[in-house]
């Protein structure tokens, strides 16, 4: 149960960071996604 809660919290943190990056610079986020993605 604890691991599941921690996993969900991590996902929420990542989503929050992604939202901040989107508001800050969409082009930067897009280039980062291309670098990390396949």
N, C-alpha and C. Protein backbone atom coordinates (compact mmCIF):
# COMPACT_ATOMS: atom_id res chain seq x y z
N UNK A 1 0.84 -1.21 0.00
CA UNK A 1 0.00 0.00 0.00
C UNK A 1 0.87 1.25 0.00
N UNK A 2 1.91 1.23 0.86
CA UNK A 2 2.80 2.39 0.92
C UNK A 2 3.48 2.65 -0.41
N UNK A 3 3.89 1.55 -1.08
CA UNK A 3 4.59 1.71 -2.36
C UNK A 3 3.64 2.33 -3.40
N UNK A 4 2.37 1.91 -3.36
CA UNK A 4 1.41 2.45 -4.33
C UNK A 4 1.21 3.95 -4.11
N UNK A 5 1.08 4.34 -2.84
CA UNK A 5 0.90 5.77 -2.53
C UNK A 5 2.12 6.56 -2.98
N UNK A 6 3.31 6.01 -2.73
CA UNK A 6 4.54 6.70 -3.13
C UNK A 6 4.60 6.83 -4.65
N UNK A 7 4.18 5.77 -5.36
CA UNK A 7 4.20 5.80 -6.82
C UNK A 7 3.26 6.87 -7.36
N UNK A 8 2.06 6.93 -6.80
CA UNK A 8 1.08 7.94 -7.23
C UNK A 8 1.61 9.34 -6.93
N UNK A 9 2.23 9.51 -5.76
CA UNK A 9 2.78 10.82 -5.40
C UNK A 9 3.86 11.22 -6.40
N UNK A 10 4.68 10.25 -6.81
CA UNK A 10 5.74 10.54 -7.78
C UNK A 10 5.14 10.97 -9.12
N UNK A 11 4.08 10.26 -9.55
CA UNK A 11 3.42 10.63 -10.81
C UNK A 11 2.86 12.05 -10.74
N UNK A 12 2.24 12.38 -9.61
CA UNK A 12 1.68 13.73 -9.46
C UNK A 12 2.79 14.77 -9.50
N UNK A 13 3.93 14.47 -8.88
CA UNK A 13 5.05 15.41 -8.89
C UNK A 13 5.56 15.61 -10.31
N UNK A 14 5.65 14.52 -11.07
CA UNK A 14 6.12 14.62 -12.45
C UNK A 14 5.14 15.44 -13.30
N UNK A 15 3.84 15.21 -13.08
CA UNK A 15 2.83 15.97 -13.83
C UNK A 15 2.92 17.45 -13.49
N UNK A 16 3.13 17.76 -12.22
CA UNK A 16 3.26 19.15 -11.81
C UNK A 16 4.48 19.80 -12.46
N UNK A 17 5.60 19.07 -12.49
CA UNK A 17 6.81 19.60 -13.12
C UNK A 17 6.57 19.82 -14.61
N UNK A 18 5.87 18.88 -15.25
CA UNK A 18 5.59 19.02 -16.68
C UNK A 18 4.72 20.26 -16.93
N UNK A 19 3.75 20.49 -16.05
CA UNK A 19 2.88 21.66 -16.22
C UNK A 19 3.69 22.95 -16.08
N UNK A 20 4.62 22.97 -15.14
CA UNK A 20 5.46 24.16 -14.95
C UNK A 20 6.30 24.40 -16.19
N UNK A 21 6.88 23.32 -16.74
CA UNK A 21 7.72 23.46 -17.93
C UNK A 21 6.87 23.94 -19.12
N UNK A 22 5.64 23.42 -19.21
CA UNK A 22 4.76 23.84 -20.32
C UNK A 22 4.48 25.33 -20.24
N UNK A 23 4.18 25.81 -19.03
CA UNK A 23 3.90 27.24 -18.86
C UNK A 23 5.16 28.06 -19.10
N UNK A 24 6.33 27.50 -18.74
CA UNK A 24 7.57 28.26 -18.85
C UNK A 24 8.02 28.36 -20.31
N UNK A 25 8.11 27.22 -20.99
CA UNK A 25 8.65 27.24 -22.37
C UNK A 25 8.24 25.97 -23.11
N UNK A 26 7.13 26.00 -23.85
CA UNK A 26 6.66 24.80 -24.57
C UNK A 26 7.71 24.26 -25.53
N UNK A 27 8.47 25.14 -26.18
CA UNK A 27 9.47 24.68 -27.15
C UNK A 27 10.56 23.88 -26.44
N UNK A 28 10.95 24.35 -25.25
CA UNK A 28 11.99 23.65 -24.49
C UNK A 28 11.49 22.26 -24.10
N UNK A 29 10.23 22.18 -23.64
CA UNK A 29 9.68 20.88 -23.25
C UNK A 29 9.60 19.95 -24.45
N UNK A 30 9.20 20.47 -25.60
CA UNK A 30 9.09 19.64 -26.80
C UNK A 30 10.46 19.10 -27.19
N UNK A 31 11.48 19.93 -27.14
CA UNK A 31 12.83 19.48 -27.51
C UNK A 31 13.32 18.44 -26.50
N UNK A 32 12.98 18.64 -25.21
CA UNK A 32 13.40 17.68 -24.18
C UNK A 32 12.70 16.34 -24.41
N UNK A 33 11.42 16.37 -24.77
CA UNK A 33 10.69 15.13 -25.01
C UNK A 33 11.29 14.40 -26.20
N UNK A 34 11.68 15.13 -27.24
CA UNK A 34 12.29 14.48 -28.41
C UNK A 34 13.61 13.84 -28.02
N UNK A 35 14.35 14.48 -27.10
CA UNK A 35 15.65 13.94 -26.69
C UNK A 35 15.47 12.67 -25.87
N UNK A 36 14.49 12.69 -24.96
CA UNK A 36 14.29 11.54 -24.06
C UNK A 36 13.53 10.43 -24.76
N UNK A 37 12.55 10.80 -25.59
CA UNK A 37 11.70 9.80 -26.23
C UNK A 37 12.43 9.00 -27.29
N UNK A 38 11.75 8.03 -27.87
CA UNK A 38 12.35 7.17 -28.90
C UNK A 38 12.57 7.91 -30.22
